[in-house]
Amino acid sequence: FVPNGWAHLVLNLEFTVAVTHNYASEFGPFEAMWKQVVHDEPEFARFWFEAMKKQRPDLAKRMVSTGIGPTGTECKLGVTTAP
């Protein structure tokens, strides 16, 4: 287990198979995670935002509440403005 926000590094000294899982929770720092995804993975952010509008509109509203749309532009009422 690595706590949220903690950097970590794994150095395998022998041949190794790893099974990992990244977990995104609505109960953690969701808005901070959204901002980071928009910054680091803008193409995925657009896909994720559209899916959230359909499947979890409550979380899409929280994304909008950050003021950052899936393209890194200003976001209001679920509609992003073009740059």
PDB file of N, CA and C in Angstrom:
ATOM      1  N   PHE A   1       0.841  -1.182   0.000  1.00  0.00           N
ATOM      2  CA  PHE A   1       0.000   0.000   0.000  1.00  0.00           C
ATOM      3  C   PHE A   1       0.881   1.239   0.000  1.00  0.00           C
ATOM      4  N   VAL A   2       0.565   2.166  -0.892  1.00  0.00           N
ATOM      5  CA  VAL A   2       1.261   3.446  -0.930  1.00  0.00           C
ATOM      6  C   VAL A   2       0.203   4.535  -0.736  1.00  0.00           C
ATOM      7  N   PRO A   3       0.307   5.345   0.305  1.00  0.00           N
ATOM      8  CA  PRO A   3      -0.694   6.391   0.541  1.00  0.00           C
ATOM      9  C   PRO A   3      -0.778   7.382  -0.623  1.00  0.00           C
ATOM     10  N   ASN A   4      -1.942   7.969  -0.771  1.00  0.00           N
ATOM     11  CA  ASN A   4      -2.181   8.945  -1.826  1.00  0.00           C
ATOM     12  C   ASN A   4      -1.162  10.077  -1.777  1.00  0.00           C
ATOM     13  N   GLY A   5      -0.596  10.383  -2.928  1.00  0.00           N
ATOM     14  CA  GLY A   5       0.347  11.487  -3.036  1.00  0.00           C
ATOM     15  C   GLY A   5       1.789  11.142  -2.708  1.00  0.00           C
ATOM     16  N   TRP A   6       2.029   9.936  -2.243  1.00  0.00           N
ATOM     17  CA  TRP A   6       3.382   9.527  -1.900  1.00  0.00           C
ATOM     18  C   TRP A   6       4.070   8.951  -3.129  1.00  0.00           C
ATOM     19  N   ALA A   7       5.228   9.450  -3.438  1.00  0.00           N
ATOM     20  CA  ALA A   7       6.019   8.879  -4.529  1.00  0.00           C
ATOM     21  C   ALA A   7       6.592   7.547  -4.073  1.00  0.00           C
ATOM     22  N   HIS A   8       6.779   6.642  -5.020  1.00  0.00           N
ATOM     23  CA  HIS A   8       7.385   5.364  -4.668  1.00  0.00           C
ATOM     24  C   HIS A   8       8.130   4.799  -5.869  1.00  0.00           C
ATOM     25  N   LEU A   9       9.038   3.919  -5.589  1.00  0.00           N
ATOM     26  CA  LEU A   9       9.874   3.313  -6.612  1.00  0.00           C
ATOM     27  C   LEU A   9      10.063   1.855  -6.262  1.00  0.00           C
ATOM     28  N   VAL A  10      10.021   1.004  -7.279  1.00  0.00           N
ATOM     29  CA  VAL A  10      10.260  -0.424  -7.081  1.00  0.00           C
ATOM     30  C   VAL A  10      11.432  -0.820  -7.958  1.00  0.00           C
ATOM     31  N   LEU A  11      12.407  -1.483  -7.379  1.00  0.00           N
ATOM     32  CA  LEU A  11      13.557  -1.985  -8.114  1.00  0.00           C
ATOM     33  C   LEU A  11      13.587  -3.495  -7.949  1.00  0.00           C
ATOM     34  N   ASN A  12      13.297  -4.205  -9.031  1.00  0.00           N
ATOM     35  CA  ASN A  12      13.308  -5.663  -8.990  1.00  0.00           C
ATOM     36  C   ASN A  12      14.720  -6.157  -9.259  1.00  0.00           C
ATOM     37  N   LEU A  13      15.252  -6.959  -8.361  1.00  0.00           N
ATOM     38  CA  LEU A  13      16.607  -7.478  -8.495  1.00  0.00           C
ATOM     39  C   LEU A  13      16.649  -8.800  -9.247  1.00  0.00           C
ATOM     40  N   GLU A  14      15.505  -9.414  -9.420  1.00  0.00           N
ATOM     41  CA  GLU A  14      15.389 -10.662 -10.171  1.00  0.00           C
ATOM     42  C   GLU A  14      14.202 -10.545 -11.115  1.00  0.00           C
ATOM     43  N   PHE A  15      14.052 -11.497 -12.040  1.00  0.00           N
ATOM     44  CA  PHE A  15      12.902 -11.528 -12.915  1.00  0.00           C
ATOM     45  C   PHE A  15      11.639 -11.579 -12.055  1.00  0.00           C
ATOM     46  N   THR A  16      10.704 -10.675 -12.335  1.00  0.00           N
ATOM     47  CA  THR A  16       9.532 -10.533 -11.486  1.00  0.00           C
ATOM     48  C   THR A  16       8.297 -10.260 -12.332  1.00  0.00           C
ATOM     49  N   VAL A  17       7.181 -10.764 -11.888  1.00  0.00           N
ATOM     50  CA  VAL A  17       5.885 -10.431 -12.472  1.00  0.00           C
ATOM     51  C   VAL A  17       5.133  -9.621 -11.424  1.00  0.00           C
ATOM     52  N   ALA A  18       4.623  -8.471 -11.825  1.00  0.00           N
ATOM     53  CA  ALA A  18       3.904  -7.615 -10.884  1.00  0.00           C
ATOM     54  C   ALA A  18       2.449  -7.471 -11.316  1.00  0.00           C
ATOM     55  N   VAL A  19       1.584  -7.511 -10.355  1.00  0.00           N
ATOM     56  CA  VAL A  19       0.173  -7.226 -10.582  1.00  0.00           C
ATOM     57  C   VAL A  19      -0.124  -5.976  -9.777  1.00  0.00           C
ATOM     58  N   THR A  20      -0.505  -4.911 -10.471  1.00  0.00           N
ATOM     59  CA  THR A  20      -0.735  -3.640  -9.791  1.00  0.00           C
ATOM     60  C   THR A  20      -2.153  -3.162 -10.070  1.00  0.00           C
ATOM     61  N   HIS A  21      -2.586  -2.224  -9.270  1.00  0.00           N
ATOM     62  CA  HIS A  21      -3.923  -1.665  -9.429  1.00  0.00           C
ATOM     63  C   HIS A  21      -3.884  -0.211  -8.974  1.00  0.00           C
ATOM     64  N   ASN A  22      -4.324   0.674  -9.835  1.00  0.00           N
ATOM     65  CA  ASN A  22      -4.462   2.072  -9.455  1.00  0.00           C
ATOM     66  C   ASN A  22      -5.921   2.308  -9.112  1.00  0.00           C
ATOM     67  N   TYR A  23      -6.150   2.995  -8.047  1.00  0.00           N
ATOM     68  CA  TYR A  23      -7.493   3.159  -7.523  1.00  0.00           C
ATOM     69  C   TYR A  23      -7.820   4.640  -7.431  1.00  0.00           C
ATOM     70  N   ALA A  24      -8.925   5.011  -8.029  1.00  0.00           N
ATOM     71  CA  ALA A  24      -9.404   6.391  -7.950  1.00  0.00           C
ATOM     72  C   ALA A  24     -10.701   6.374  -7.166  1.00  0.00           C
ATOM     73  N   SER A  25     -10.747   7.094  -6.079  1.00  0.00           N
ATOM     74  CA  SER A  25     -11.912   7.081  -5.211  1.00  0.00           C
ATOM     75  C   SER A  25     -12.601   8.430  -5.192  1.00  0.00           C
ATOM     76  N   GLU A  26     -13.918   8.387  -5.165  1.00  0.00           N
ATOM     77  CA  GLU A  26     -14.690   9.615  -5.021  1.00  0.00           C
ATOM     78  C   GLU A  26     -14.588  10.159  -3.601  1.00  0.00           C
ATOM     79  N   PHE A  27     -14.086   9.352  -2.681  1.00  0.00           N
ATOM     80  CA  PHE A  27     -14.020   9.749  -1.275  1.00  0.00           C
ATOM     81  C   PHE A  27     -12.682  10.380  -0.901  1.00  0.00           C
ATOM     82  N   GLY A  28     -11.699  10.283  -1.772  1.00  0.00           N
ATOM     83  CA  GLY A  28     -10.401  10.894  -1.513  1.00  0.00           C
ATOM     84  C   GLY A  28     -10.372  12.304  -2.081  1.00  0.00           C
ATOM     85  N   PRO A  29      -9.193  12.784  -2.415  1.00  0.00           N
ATOM     86  CA  PRO A  29      -9.069  14.134  -2.991  1.00  0.00           C
ATOM     87  C   PRO A  29      -9.449  14.114  -4.477  1.00  0.00           C
ATOM     88  N   PHE A  30     -10.733  13.857  -4.747  1.00  0.00           N
ATOM     89  CA  PHE A  30     -11.218  13.667  -6.113  1.00  0.00           C
ATOM     90  C   PHE A  30     -10.926  14.867  -7.018  1.00  0.00           C
ATOM     91  N   GLU A  31     -11.198  16.066  -6.524  1.00  0.00           N
ATOM     92  CA  GLU A  31     -10.990  17.265  -7.350  1.00  0.00           C
ATOM     93  C   GLU A  31      -9.510  17.460  -7.696  1.00  0.00           C
ATOM     94  N   ALA A  32      -8.632  17.197  -6.748  1.00  0.00           N
ATOM     95  CA  ALA A  32      -7.193  17.308  -7.022  1.00  0.00           C
ATOM     96  C   ALA A  32      -6.771  16.261  -8.048  1.00  0.00           C
ATOM     97  N   MET A  33      -7.340  15.061  -7.935  1.00  0.00           N
ATOM     98  CA  MET A  33      -7.033  14.011  -8.895  1.00  0.00           C
ATOM     99  C   MET A  33      -7.489  14.423 -10.295  1.00  0.00           C
ATOM    100  N   TRP A  34      -8.675  15.013 -10.401  1.00  0.00           N
ATOM    101  CA  TRP A  34      -9.189  15.468 -11.693  1.00  0.00           C
ATOM    102  C   TRP A  34      -8.243  16.490 -12.326  1.00  0.00           C
ATOM    103  N   LYS A  35      -7.824  17.461 -11.557  1.00  0.00           N
ATOM    104  CA  LYS A  35      -6.910  18.477 -12.083  1.00  0.00           C
ATOM    105  C   LYS A  35      -5.618  17.849 -12.584  1.00  0.00           C
ATOM    106  N   GLN A  36      -5.098  16.865 -11.846  1.00  0.00           N
ATOM    107  CA  GLN A  36      -3.861  16.198 -12.254  1.00  0.00           C
ATOM    108  C   GLN A  36      -4.062  15.403 -13.539  1.00  0.00           C
ATOM    109  N   VAL A  37      -5.191  14.714 -13.663  1.00  0.00           N
ATOM    110  CA  VAL A  37      -5.476  13.943 -14.884  1.00  0.00           C
ATOM    111  C   VAL A  37      -5.577  14.872 -16.081  1.00  0.00           C
ATOM    112  N   VAL A  38      -6.271  16.003 -15.935  1.00  0.00           N
ATOM    113  CA  VAL A  38      -6.386  16.970 -17.034  1.00  0.00           C
ATOM    114  C   VAL A  38      -5.006  17.436 -17.465  1.00  0.00           C
ATOM    115  N   HIS A  39      -4.148  17.691 -16.501  1.00  0.00           N
ATOM    116  CA  HIS A  39      -2.800  18.169 -16.798  1.00  0.00           C
ATOM    117  C   HIS A  39      -1.950  17.087 -17.465  1.00  0.00           C
ATOM    118  N   ASP A  40      -1.980  15.872 -16.895  1.00  0.00           N
ATOM    119  CA  ASP A  40      -1.080  14.808 -17.352  1.00  0.00           C
ATOM    120  C   ASP A  40      -1.609  14.016 -18.538  1.00  0.00           C
ATOM    121  N   GLU A  41      -2.915  13.823 -18.615  1.00  0.00           N
ATOM    122  CA  GLU A  41      -3.518  12.950 -19.630  1.00  0.00           C
ATOM    123  C   GLU A  41      -4.757  13.612 -20.240  1.00  0.00           C
ATOM    124  N   PRO A  42      -4.596  14.700 -20.992  1.00  0.00           N
ATOM    125  CA  PRO A  42      -5.761  15.435 -21.489  1.00  0.00           C
ATOM    126  C   PRO A  42      -6.694  14.610 -22.382  1.00  0.00           C
ATOM    127  N   GLU A  43      -6.158  13.716 -23.186  1.00  0.00           N
ATOM    128  CA  GLU A  43      -7.028  12.901 -24.044  1.00  0.00           C
ATOM    129  C   GLU A  43      -7.901  11.978 -23.190  1.00  0.00           C
ATOM    130  N   PHE A  44      -7.307  11.340 -22.195  1.00  0.00           N
ATOM    131  CA  PHE A  44      -8.080  10.498 -21.294  1.00  0.00           C
ATOM    132  C   PHE A  44      -9.083  11.328 -20.505  1.00  0.00           C
ATOM    133  N   ALA A  45      -8.699  12.545 -20.093  1.00  0.00           N
ATOM    134  CA  ALA A  45      -9.598  13.410 -19.321  1.00  0.00           C
ATOM    135  C   ALA A  45     -10.881  13.681 -20.094  1.00  0.00           C
ATOM    136  N   ARG A  46     -10.779  13.930 -21.394  1.00  0.00           N
ATOM    137  CA  ARG A  46     -11.979  14.172 -22.202  1.00  0.00           C
ATOM    138  C   ARG A  46     -12.882  12.941 -22.218  1.00  0.00           C
ATOM    139  N   PHE A  47     -12.292  11.776 -22.435  1.00  0.00           N
ATOM    140  CA  PHE A  47     -13.043  10.522 -22.453  1.00  0.00           C
ATOM    141  C   PHE A  47     -13.699  10.271 -21.099  1.00  0.00           C
ATOM    142  N   TRP A  48     -12.944  10.456 -20.027  1.00  0.00           N
ATOM    143  CA  TRP A  48     -13.433  10.203 -18.674  1.00  0.00           C
ATOM    144  C   TRP A  48     -14.588  11.144 -18.327  1.00  0.00           C
ATOM    145  N   PHE A  49     -14.434  12.428 -18.660  1.00  0.00           N
ATOM    146  CA  PHE A  49     -15.467  13.416 -18.354  1.00  0.00           C
ATOM    147  C   PHE A  49     -16.772  13.070 -19.059  1.00  0.00           C
ATOM    148  N   GLU A  50     -16.699  12.704 -20.335  1.00  0.00           N
ATOM    149  CA  GLU A  50     -17.915  12.333 -21.078  1.00  0.00           C
ATOM    150  C   GLU A  50     -18.581  11.114 -20.456  1.00  0.00           C
ATOM    151  N   ALA A  51     -17.787  10.132 -20.063  1.00  0.00           N
ATOM    152  CA  ALA A  51     -18.346   8.945 -19.421  1.00  0.00           C
ATOM    153  C   ALA A  51     -18.980   9.296 -18.079  1.00  0.00           C
ATOM    154  N   MET A  52     -18.344  10.171 -17.317  1.00  0.00           N
ATOM    155  CA  MET A  52     -18.890  10.563 -16.020  1.00  0.00           C
ATOM    156  C   MET A  52     -20.207  11.324 -16.172  1.00  0.00           C
ATOM    157  N   LYS A  53     -20.318  12.148 -17.203  1.00  0.00           N
ATOM    158  CA  LYS A  53     -21.577  12.867 -17.421  1.00  0.00           C
ATOM    159  C   LYS A  53     -22.728  11.883 -17.610  1.00  0.00           C
ATOM    160  N   LYS A  54     -22.459  10.754 -18.252  1.00  0.00           N
ATOM    161  CA  LYS A  54     -23.500   9.753 -18.504  1.00  0.00           C
ATOM    162  C   LYS A  54     -23.719   8.836 -17.310  1.00  0.00           C
ATOM    163  N   GLN A  55     -22.629   8.347 -16.724  1.00  0.00           N
ATOM    164  CA  GLN A  55     -22.720   7.318 -15.692  1.00  0.00           C
ATOM    165  C   GLN A  55     -22.780   7.860 -14.266  1.00  0.00           C
ATOM    166  N   ARG A  56     -22.074   8.955 -14.003  1.00  0.00           N
ATOM    167  CA  ARG A  56     -22.017   9.519 -12.648  1.00  0.00           C
ATOM    168  C   ARG A  56     -22.099  11.036 -12.720  1.00  0.00           C
ATOM    169  N   PRO A  57     -23.276  11.562 -13.059  1.00  0.00           N
ATOM    170  CA  PRO A  57     -23.402  13.022 -13.176  1.00  0.00           C
ATOM    171  C   PRO A  57     -23.037  13.762 -11.890  1.00  0.00           C
ATOM    172  N   ASP A  58     -23.177  13.097 -10.740  1.00  0.00           N
ATOM    173  CA  ASP A  58     -22.782  13.726  -9.480  1.00  0.00           C
ATOM    174  C   ASP A  58     -21.278  14.000  -9.454  1.00  0.00           C
ATOM    175  N   LEU A  59     -20.487  13.061  -9.979  1.00  0.00           N
ATOM    176  CA  LEU A  59     -19.039  13.276 -10.019  1.00  0.00           C
ATOM    177  C   LEU A  59     -18.654  14.231 -11.141  1.00  0.00           C
ATOM    178  N   ALA A  60     -19.394  14.217 -12.245  1.00  0.00           N
ATOM    179  CA  ALA A  60     -19.141  15.189 -13.317  1.00  0.00           C
ATOM    180  C   ALA A  60     -19.330  16.604 -12.789  1.00  0.00           C
ATOM    181  N   LYS A  61     -20.327  16.806 -11.935  1.00  0.00           N
ATOM    182  CA  LYS A  61     -20.536  18.132 -11.333  1.00  0.00           C
ATOM    183  C   LYS A  61     -19.352  18.530 -10.463  1.00  0.00           C
ATOM    184  N   ARG A  62     -18.782  17.554  -9.770  1.00  0.00           N
ATOM    185  CA  ARG A  62     -17.598  17.861  -8.952  1.00  0.00           C
ATOM    186  C   ARG A  62     -16.414  18.219  -9.840  1.00  0.00           C
ATOM    187  N   MET A  63     -16.291  17.571 -10.996  1.00  0.00           N
ATOM    188  CA  MET A  63     -15.237  17.933 -11.949  1.00  0.00           C
ATOM    189  C   MET A  63     -15.424  19.370 -12.401  1.00  0.00           C
ATOM    190  N   VAL A  64     -16.661  19.706 -12.752  1.00  0.00           N
ATOM    191  CA  VAL A  64     -16.979  21.065 -13.201  1.00  0.00           C
ATOM    192  C   VAL A  64     -16.694  22.077 -12.102  1.00  0.00           C
ATOM    193  N   SER A  65     -16.955  21.673 -10.854  1.00  0.00           N
ATOM    194  CA  SER A  65     -16.779  22.605  -9.738  1.00  0.00           C
ATOM    195  C   SER A  65     -15.331  23.062  -9.571  1.00  0.00           C
ATOM    196  N   THR A  66     -14.386  22.322 -10.157  1.00  0.00           N
ATOM    197  CA  THR A  66     -12.981  22.729 -10.063  1.00  0.00           C
ATOM    198  C   THR A  66     -12.681  23.923 -10.951  1.00  0.00           C
ATOM    199  N   GLY A  67     -13.576  24.175 -11.916  1.00  0.00           N
ATOM    200  CA  GLY A  67     -13.340  25.250 -12.872  1.00  0.00           C
ATOM    201  C   GLY A  67     -12.439  24.828 -14.014  1.00  0.00           C
ATOM    202  N   ILE A  68     -12.015  23.564 -14.019  1.00  0.00           N
ATOM    203  CA  ILE A  68     -11.123  23.056 -15.052  1.00  0.00           C
ATOM    204  C   ILE A  68     -11.864  22.012 -15.876  1.00  0.00           C
ATOM    205  N   GLY A  69     -11.998  22.283 -17.173  1.00  0.00           N
ATOM    206  CA  GLY A  69     -12.652  21.331 -18.060  1.00  0.00           C
ATOM    207  C   GLY A  69     -11.675  20.278 -18.536  1.00  0.00           C
ATOM    208  N   PRO A  70     -12.174  19.275 -19.256  1.00  0.00           N
ATOM    209  CA  PRO A  70     -11.321  18.172 -19.685  1.00  0.00           C
ATOM    210  C   PRO A  70     -10.256  18.559 -20.698  1.00  0.00           C
ATOM    211  N   THR A  71     -10.323  19.751 -21.223  1.00  0.00           N
ATOM    212  CA  THR A  71      -9.273  20.205 -22.137  1.00  0.00           C
ATOM    213  C   THR A  71      -8.349  21.208 -21.464  1.00  0.00           C
ATOM    214  N   GLY A  72      -8.547  21.401 -20.159  1.00  0.00           N
ATOM    215  CA  GLY A  72      -7.736  22.368 -19.433  1.00  0.00           C
ATOM    216  C   GLY A  72      -8.283  23.774 -19.526  1.00  0.00           C
ATOM    217  N   THR A  73      -9.459  23.916 -20.146  1.00  0.00           N
ATOM    218  CA  THR A  73     -10.086  25.226 -20.290  1.00  0.00           C
ATOM    219  C   THR A  73     -11.098  25.445 -19.185  1.00  0.00           C
ATOM    220  N   GLU A  74     -11.603  26.660 -19.105  1.00  0.00           N
ATOM    221  CA  GLU A  74     -12.616  26.973 -18.108  1.00  0.00           C
ATOM    222  C   GLU A  74     -13.844  26.094 -18.334  1.00  0.00           C
ATOM    223  N   CYS A  75     -14.447  25.658 -17.261  1.00  0.00           N
ATOM    224  CA  CYS A  75     -15.571  24.727 -17.340  1.00  0.00           C
ATOM    225  C   CYS A  75     -16.738  25.284 -16.538  1.00  0.00           C
ATOM    226  N   LYS A  76     -17.915  25.382 -17.187  1.00  0.00           N
ATOM    227  CA  LYS A  76     -19.108  25.869 -16.499  1.00  0.00           C
ATOM    228  C   LYS A  76     -20.305  25.009 -16.888  1.00  0.00           C
ATOM    229  N   LEU A  77     -21.047  24.596 -15.911  1.00  0.00           N
ATOM    230  CA  LEU A  77     -22.292  23.849 -16.117  1.00  0.00           C
ATOM    231  C   LEU A  77     -22.124  22.641 -17.014  1.00  0.00           C
ATOM    232  N   GLY A  78     -20.983  21.990 -16.941  1.00  0.00           N
ATOM    233  CA  GLY A  78     -20.774  20.767 -17.704  1.00  0.00           C
ATOM    234  C   GLY A  78     -20.384  20.994 -19.143  1.00  0.00           C
ATOM    235  N   VAL A  79     -20.218  22.250 -19.548  1.00  0.00           N
ATOM    236  CA  VAL A  79     -19.835  22.564 -20.922  1.00  0.00           C
ATOM    237  C   VAL A  79     -18.485  23.248 -20.884  1.00  0.00           C
ATOM    238  N   THR A  80     -17.558  22.764 -21.670  1.00  0.00           N
ATOM    239  CA  THR A  80     -16.242  23.394 -21.680  1.00  0.00           C
ATOM    240  C   THR A  80     -16.162  24.396 -22.806  1.00  0.00           C
ATOM    241  N   THR A  81     -15.422  25.448 -22.557  1.00  0.00           N
ATOM    242  CA  THR A  81     -15.220  26.460 -23.576  1.00  0.00           C
ATOM    243  C   THR A  81     -13.983  26.110 -24.393  1.00  0.00           C
ATOM    244  N   ALA A  82     -13.999  26.422 -25.645  1.00  0.00           N
ATOM    245  CA  ALA A  82     -12.842  26.157 -26.502  1.00  0.00           C
ATOM    246  C   ALA A  82     -11.722  27.118 -26.153  1.00  0.00           C
ATOM    247  N   PRO A  83     -10.475  26.680 -26.316  1.00  0.00           N
ATOM    248  CA  PRO A  83      -9.352  27.578 -25.997  1.00  0.00           C
ATOM    249  C   PRO A  83      -9.274  28.750 -26.955  1.00  0.00           C
TER     250      PRO A  83
END
